[in-house]
Amino acid sequence: MAVIGGKLNLSVPLKLKTARDSYATTLMRGGISKDDIGSMLGHSNSIVTEHYLASLDIEKTHQINAGLF
């Protein structure tokens, strides 16, 4: 992962969790179904995927935190 992150000249270290989060978020934003995302991530059932994707709503987090400024 470090080699890939270096080739991409990323500003933060690339870790497996970061890569999986980015992958899932990109698929979700592209309208891919949660079942298909779960399948691609190797999740055993949709409950795992639901829990995983629930923590990825960064846009909602930014909206909430915008109220602080």
PDB file of N, CA and C in Angstrom:
ATOM      1  N   MET A   1       0.830  -1.184   0.000  1.00  0.00           N
ATOM      2  CA  MET A   1       0.000   0.000   0.000  1.00  0.00           C
ATOM      3  C   MET A   1       0.878   1.253   0.000  1.00  0.00           C
ATOM      4  N   ALA A   2       2.014   1.188   0.688  1.00  0.00           N
ATOM      5  CA  ALA A   2       2.907   2.348   0.749  1.00  0.00           C
ATOM      6  C   ALA A   2       3.464   2.678  -0.631  1.00  0.00           C
ATOM      7  N   VAL A   3       3.764   1.652  -1.412  1.00  0.00           N
ATOM      8  CA  VAL A   3       4.302   1.867  -2.763  1.00  0.00           C
ATOM      9  C   VAL A   3       3.248   2.538  -3.645  1.00  0.00           C
ATOM     10  N   ILE A   4       2.023   2.044  -3.563  1.00  0.00           N
ATOM     11  CA  ILE A   4       0.937   2.636  -4.360  1.00  0.00           C
ATOM     12  C   ILE A   4       0.706   4.081  -3.934  1.00  0.00           C
ATOM     13  N   GLY A   5       0.663   4.326  -2.632  1.00  0.00           N
ATOM     14  CA  GLY A   5       0.475   5.688  -2.130  1.00  0.00           C
ATOM     15  C   GLY A   5       1.576   6.615  -2.596  1.00  0.00           C
ATOM     16  N   GLY A   6       2.816   6.108  -2.639  1.00  0.00           N
ATOM     17  CA  GLY A   6       3.940   6.907  -3.116  1.00  0.00           C
ATOM     18  C   GLY A   6       3.820   7.234  -4.595  1.00  0.00           C
ATOM     19  N   LYS A   7       3.402   6.248  -5.387  1.00  0.00           N
ATOM     20  CA  LYS A   7       3.244   6.471  -6.831  1.00  0.00           C
ATOM     21  C   LYS A   7       2.126   7.466  -7.124  1.00  0.00           C
ATOM     22  N   LEU A   8       1.125   7.470  -6.264  1.00  0.00           N
ATOM     23  CA  LEU A   8       0.006   8.411  -6.437  1.00  0.00           C
ATOM     24  C   LEU A   8       0.283   9.768  -5.803  1.00  0.00           C
ATOM     25  N   ASN A   9       1.414   9.871  -5.105  1.00  0.00           N
ATOM     26  CA  ASN A   9       1.813  11.115  -4.447  1.00  0.00           C
ATOM     27  C   ASN A   9       0.714  11.622  -3.502  1.00  0.00           C
ATOM     28  N   LEU A  10       0.196  10.691  -2.697  1.00  0.00           N
ATOM     29  CA  LEU A  10      -0.870  11.049  -1.764  1.00  0.00           C
ATOM     30  C   LEU A  10      -0.313  11.833  -0.590  1.00  0.00           C
ATOM     31  N   SER A  11      -1.145  12.691  -0.029  1.00  0.00           N
ATOM     32  CA  SER A  11      -0.704  13.521   1.091  1.00  0.00           C
ATOM     33  C   SER A  11      -0.814  12.805   2.438  1.00  0.00           C
ATOM     34  N   VAL A  12      -1.505  11.674   2.465  1.00  0.00           N
ATOM     35  CA  VAL A  12      -1.634  10.867   3.683  1.00  0.00           C
ATOM     36  C   VAL A  12      -1.208   9.445   3.361  1.00  0.00           C
ATOM     37  N   PRO A  13      -0.740   8.714   4.371  1.00  0.00           N
ATOM     38  CA  PRO A  13      -0.344   7.327   4.114  1.00  0.00           C
ATOM     39  C   PRO A  13      -1.538   6.485   3.671  1.00  0.00           C
ATOM     40  N   LEU A  14      -1.329   5.670   2.664  1.00  0.00           N
ATOM     41  CA  LEU A  14      -2.395   4.793   2.186  1.00  0.00           C
ATOM     42  C   LEU A  14      -2.366   3.504   2.993  1.00  0.00           C
ATOM     43  N   LYS A  15      -3.471   3.237   3.644  1.00  0.00           N
ATOM     44  CA  LYS A  15      -3.614   2.012   4.428  1.00  0.00           C
ATOM     45  C   LYS A  15      -4.776   1.221   3.845  1.00  0.00           C
ATOM     46  N   LEU A  16      -4.819  -0.063   4.130  1.00  0.00           N
ATOM     47  CA  LEU A  16      -5.867  -0.912   3.581  1.00  0.00           C
ATOM     48  C   LEU A  16      -7.254  -0.384   3.936  1.00  0.00           C
ATOM     49  N   LYS A  17      -7.447   0.042   5.178  1.00  0.00           N
ATOM     50  CA  LYS A  17      -8.754   0.572   5.580  1.00  0.00           C
ATOM     51  C   LYS A  17      -9.119   1.809   4.771  1.00  0.00           C
ATOM     52  N   THR A  18      -8.160   2.691   4.558  1.00  0.00           N
ATOM     53  CA  THR A  18      -8.400   3.904   3.773  1.00  0.00           C
ATOM     54  C   THR A  18      -8.786   3.542   2.347  1.00  0.00           C
ATOM     55  N   ALA A  19      -8.075   2.582   1.771  1.00  0.00           N
ATOM     56  CA  ALA A  19      -8.366   2.158   0.399  1.00  0.00           C
ATOM     57  C   ALA A  19      -9.764   1.551   0.305  1.00  0.00           C
ATOM     58  N   ARG A  20     -10.127   0.706   1.257  1.00  0.00           N
ATOM     59  CA  ARG A  20     -11.458   0.084   1.252  1.00  0.00           C
ATOM     60  C   ARG A  20     -12.548   1.139   1.446  1.00  0.00           C
ATOM     61  N   ASP A  21     -12.321   2.079   2.355  1.00  0.00           N
ATOM     62  CA  ASP A  21     -13.293   3.159   2.571  1.00  0.00           C
ATOM     63  C   ASP A  21     -13.494   3.974   1.297  1.00  0.00           C
ATOM     64  N   SER A  22     -12.400   4.323   0.656  1.00  0.00           N
ATOM     65  CA  SER A  22     -12.470   5.117  -0.578  1.00  0.00           C
ATOM     66  C   SER A  22     -13.187   4.355  -1.683  1.00  0.00           C
ATOM     67  N   TYR A  23     -12.862   3.073  -1.797  1.00  0.00           N
ATOM     68  CA  TYR A  23     -13.490   2.216  -2.805  1.00  0.00           C
ATOM     69  C   TYR A  23     -15.001   2.157  -2.585  1.00  0.00           C
ATOM     70  N   ALA A  24     -15.404   1.871  -1.350  1.00  0.00           N
ATOM     71  CA  ALA A  24     -16.828   1.759  -1.035  1.00  0.00           C
ATOM     72  C   ALA A  24     -17.546   3.092  -1.234  1.00  0.00           C
ATOM     73  N   THR A  25     -16.924   4.171  -0.808  1.00  0.00           N
ATOM     74  CA  THR A  25     -17.533   5.491  -0.956  1.00  0.00           C
ATOM     75  C   THR A  25     -17.713   5.851  -2.427  1.00  0.00           C
ATOM     76  N   THR A  26     -16.708   5.574  -3.224  1.00  0.00           N
ATOM     77  CA  THR A  26     -16.785   5.870  -4.658  1.00  0.00           C
ATOM     78  C   THR A  26     -17.897   5.066  -5.314  1.00  0.00           C
ATOM     79  N   LEU A  27     -18.002   3.784  -4.971  1.00  0.00           N
ATOM     80  CA  LEU A  27     -19.080   2.956  -5.528  1.00  0.00           C
ATOM     81  C   LEU A  27     -20.445   3.472  -5.089  1.00  0.00           C
ATOM     82  N   MET A  28     -20.582   3.823  -3.792  1.00  0.00           N
ATOM     83  CA  MET A  28     -21.850   4.326  -3.276  1.00  0.00           C
ATOM     84  C   MET A  28     -22.254   5.610  -3.992  1.00  0.00           C
ATOM     85  N   ARG A  29     -21.304   6.535  -4.164  1.00  0.00           N
ATOM     86  CA  ARG A  29     -21.590   7.787  -4.873  1.00  0.00           C
ATOM     87  C   ARG A  29     -21.951   7.547  -6.326  1.00  0.00           C
ATOM     88  N   GLY A  30     -21.458   6.449  -6.884  1.00  0.00           N
ATOM     89  CA  GLY A  30     -21.761   6.105  -8.275  1.00  0.00           C
ATOM     90  C   GLY A  30     -23.075   5.372  -8.438  1.00  0.00           C
ATOM     91  N   GLY A  31     -23.798   5.191  -7.330  1.00  0.00           N
ATOM     92  CA  GLY A  31     -25.116   4.579  -7.405  1.00  0.00           C
ATOM     93  C   GLY A  31     -25.104   3.055  -7.388  1.00  0.00           C
ATOM     94  N   ILE A  32     -23.992   2.449  -7.026  1.00  0.00           N
ATOM     95  CA  ILE A  32     -23.914   1.000  -6.958  1.00  0.00           C
ATOM     96  C   ILE A  32     -24.681   0.529  -5.719  1.00  0.00           C
ATOM     97  N   SER A  33     -25.391  -0.566  -5.858  1.00  0.00           N
ATOM     98  CA  SER A  33     -26.206  -1.061  -4.752  1.00  0.00           C
ATOM     99  C   SER A  33     -25.341  -1.510  -3.580  1.00  0.00           C
ATOM    100  N   LYS A  34     -25.909  -1.428  -2.398  1.00  0.00           N
ATOM    101  CA  LYS A  34     -25.200  -1.857  -1.198  1.00  0.00           C
ATOM    102  C   LYS A  34     -24.866  -3.343  -1.254  1.00  0.00           C
ATOM    103  N   ASP A  35     -25.746  -4.136  -1.849  1.00  0.00           N
ATOM    104  CA  ASP A  35     -25.468  -5.567  -1.981  1.00  0.00           C
ATOM    105  C   ASP A  35     -24.252  -5.807  -2.867  1.00  0.00           C
ATOM    106  N   ASP A  36     -24.166  -5.069  -3.971  1.00  0.00           N
ATOM    107  CA  ASP A  36     -23.013  -5.222  -4.866  1.00  0.00           C
ATOM    108  C   ASP A  36     -21.726  -4.732  -4.199  1.00  0.00           C
ATOM    109  N   ILE A  37     -21.808  -3.637  -3.456  1.00  0.00           N
ATOM    110  CA  ILE A  37     -20.632  -3.133  -2.735  1.00  0.00           C
ATOM    111  C   ILE A  37     -20.174  -4.171  -1.718  1.00  0.00           C
ATOM    112  N   GLY A  38     -21.110  -4.725  -0.968  1.00  0.00           N
ATOM    113  CA  GLY A  38     -20.783  -5.756   0.009  1.00  0.00           C
ATOM    114  C   GLY A  38     -20.129  -6.960  -0.635  1.00  0.00           C
ATOM    115  N   SER A  39     -20.626  -7.341  -1.781  1.00  0.00           N
ATOM    116  CA  SER A  39     -20.042  -8.474  -2.512  1.00  0.00           C
ATOM    117  C   SER A  39     -18.606  -8.178  -2.923  1.00  0.00           C
ATOM    118  N   MET A  40     -18.369  -6.975  -3.421  1.00  0.00           N
ATOM    119  CA  MET A  40     -17.025  -6.599  -3.852  1.00  0.00           C
ATOM    120  C   MET A  40     -16.060  -6.495  -2.670  1.00  0.00           C
ATOM    121  N   LEU A  41     -16.566  -6.135  -1.493  1.00  0.00           N
ATOM    122  CA  LEU A  41     -15.723  -6.029  -0.307  1.00  0.00           C
ATOM    123  C   LEU A  41     -15.577  -7.363   0.423  1.00  0.00           C
ATOM    124  N   GLY A  42     -16.307  -8.374  -0.039  1.00  0.00           N
ATOM    125  CA  GLY A  42     -16.210  -9.690   0.574  1.00  0.00           C
ATOM    126  C   GLY A  42     -16.965  -9.826   1.881  1.00  0.00           C
ATOM    127  N   HIS A  43     -17.987  -8.994   2.061  1.00  0.00           N
ATOM    128  CA  HIS A  43     -18.780  -9.073   3.285  1.00  0.00           C
ATOM    129  C   HIS A  43     -19.668 -10.310   3.247  1.00  0.00           C
ATOM    130  N   SER A  44     -19.833 -10.926   4.404  1.00  0.00           N
ATOM    131  CA  SER A  44     -20.602 -12.167   4.490  1.00  0.00           C
ATOM    132  C   SER A  44     -22.108 -11.934   4.393  1.00  0.00           C
ATOM    133  N   ASN A  45     -22.562 -10.741   4.772  1.00  0.00           N
ATOM    134  CA  ASN A  45     -23.990 -10.443   4.658  1.00  0.00           C
ATOM    135  C   ASN A  45     -24.198  -8.934   4.573  1.00  0.00           C
ATOM    136  N   SER A  46     -25.428  -8.550   4.249  1.00  0.00           N
ATOM    137  CA  SER A  46     -25.725  -7.135   4.023  1.00  0.00           C
ATOM    138  C   SER A  46     -25.677  -6.307   5.303  1.00  0.00           C
ATOM    139  N   ILE A  47     -25.822  -6.944   6.455  1.00  0.00           N
ATOM    140  CA  ILE A  47     -25.765  -6.202   7.723  1.00  0.00           C
ATOM    141  C   ILE A  47     -24.368  -5.619   7.920  1.00  0.00           C
ATOM    142  N   VAL A  48     -23.350  -6.375   7.567  1.00  0.00           N
ATOM    143  CA  VAL A  48     -21.972  -5.892   7.667  1.00  0.00           C
ATOM    144  C   VAL A  48     -21.791  -4.679   6.758  1.00  0.00           C
ATOM    145  N   THR A  49     -22.296  -4.772   5.540  1.00  0.00           N
ATOM    146  CA  THR A  49     -22.158  -3.668   4.584  1.00  0.00           C
ATOM    147  C   THR A  49     -22.918  -2.445   5.060  1.00  0.00           C
ATOM    148  N   GLU A  50     -24.134  -2.629   5.575  1.00  0.00           N
ATOM    149  CA  GLU A  50     -24.921  -1.506   6.087  1.00  0.00           C
ATOM    150  C   GLU A  50     -24.161  -0.780   7.193  1.00  0.00           C
ATOM    151  N   HIS A  51     -23.587  -1.531   8.110  1.00  0.00           N
ATOM    152  CA  HIS A  51     -22.829  -0.931   9.208  1.00  0.00           C
ATOM    153  C   HIS A  51     -21.602  -0.201   8.661  1.00  0.00           C
ATOM    154  N   TYR A  52     -20.931  -0.800   7.710  1.00  0.00           N
ATOM    155  CA  TYR A  52     -19.716  -0.238   7.120  1.00  0.00           C
ATOM    156  C   TYR A  52     -20.028   1.070   6.396  1.00  0.00           C
ATOM    157  N   LEU A  53     -21.057   1.072   5.568  1.00  0.00           N
ATOM    158  CA  LEU A  53     -21.395   2.263   4.779  1.00  0.00           C
ATOM    159  C   LEU A  53     -21.977   3.375   5.648  1.00  0.00           C
ATOM    160  N   ALA A  54     -22.608   3.021   6.753  1.00  0.00           N
ATOM    161  CA  ALA A  54     -23.182   4.040   7.630  1.00  0.00           C
ATOM    162  C   ALA A  54     -22.108   4.956   8.181  1.00  0.00           C
ATOM    163  N   SER A  55     -20.902   4.445   8.322  1.00  0.00           N
ATOM    164  CA  SER A  55     -19.822   5.259   8.876  1.00  0.00           C
ATOM    165  C   SER A  55     -19.106   6.077   7.806  1.00  0.00           C
ATOM    166  N   LEU A  56     -19.529   5.975   6.567  1.00  0.00           N
ATOM    167  CA  LEU A  56     -18.821   6.636   5.481  1.00  0.00           C
ATOM    168  C   LEU A  56     -19.460   7.934   5.006  1.00  0.00           C
ATOM    169  N   ASP A  57     -20.514   8.386   5.638  1.00  0.00           N
ATOM    170  CA  ASP A  57     -21.229   9.559   5.156  1.00  0.00           C
ATOM    171  C   ASP A  57     -20.498  10.840   5.559  1.00  0.00           C
ATOM    172  N   ILE A  58     -19.377  11.087   4.939  1.00  0.00           N
ATOM    173  CA  ILE A  58     -18.536  12.238   5.264  1.00  0.00           C
ATOM    174  C   ILE A  58     -19.220  13.553   4.902  1.00  0.00           C
ATOM    175  N   GLU A  59     -20.026  13.553   3.853  1.00  0.00           N
ATOM    176  CA  GLU A  59     -20.729  14.775   3.472  1.00  0.00           C
ATOM    177  C   GLU A  59     -21.660  15.233   4.594  1.00  0.00           C
ATOM    178  N   LYS A  60     -22.376  14.284   5.204  1.00  0.00           N
ATOM    179  CA  LYS A  60     -23.267  14.607   6.309  1.00  0.00           C
ATOM    180  C   LYS A  60     -22.465  15.159   7.489  1.00  0.00           C
ATOM    181  N   THR A  61     -21.315  14.573   7.755  1.00  0.00           N
ATOM    182  CA  THR A  61     -20.451  15.046   8.833  1.00  0.00           C
ATOM    183  C   THR A  61     -20.013  16.483   8.571  1.00  0.00           C
ATOM    184  N   HIS A  62     -19.640  16.792   7.330  1.00  0.00           N
ATOM    185  CA  HIS A  62     -19.230  18.164   6.998  1.00  0.00           C
ATOM    186  C   HIS A  62     -20.392  19.143   7.138  1.00  0.00           C
ATOM    187  N   GLN A  63     -21.576  18.736   6.748  1.00  0.00           N
ATOM    188  CA  GLN A  63     -22.748  19.601   6.898  1.00  0.00           C
ATOM    189  C   GLN A  63     -22.994  19.931   8.377  1.00  0.00           C
ATOM    190  N   ILE A  64     -22.942  18.921   9.213  1.00  0.00           N
ATOM    191  CA  ILE A  64     -23.166  19.126  10.635  1.00  0.00           C
ATOM    192  C   ILE A  64     -22.100  20.034  11.228  1.00  0.00           C
ATOM    193  N   ASN A  65     -20.839  19.747  10.893  1.00  0.00           N
ATOM    194  CA  ASN A  65     -19.736  20.538  11.443  1.00  0.00           C
ATOM    195  C   ASN A  65     -19.679  21.956  10.901  1.00  0.00           C
ATOM    196  N   ALA A  66     -20.309  22.216   9.767  1.00  0.00           N
ATOM    197  CA  ALA A  66     -20.341  23.557   9.202  1.00  0.00           C
ATOM    198  C   ALA A  66     -21.060  24.530  10.143  1.00  0.00           C
ATOM    199  N   GLY A  67     -21.944  23.996  10.969  1.00  0.00           N
ATOM    200  CA  GLY A  67     -22.659  24.818  11.932  1.00  0.00           C
ATOM    201  C   GLY A  67     -21.747  25.384  13.029  1.00  0.00           C
ATOM    202  N   LEU A  68     -20.533  24.877  13.103  1.00  0.00           N
ATOM    203  CA  LEU A  68     -19.587  25.354  14.115  1.00  0.00           C
ATOM    204  C   LEU A  68     -18.905  26.653  13.707  1.00  0.00           C
ATOM    205  N   PHE A  69     -18.968  26.982  12.451  1.00  0.00           N
ATOM    206  CA  PHE A  69     -18.214  28.145  11.957  1.00  0.00           C
ATOM    207  C   PHE A  69     -19.068  29.380  11.852  1.00  0.00           C
TER     208      PHE A  69
END
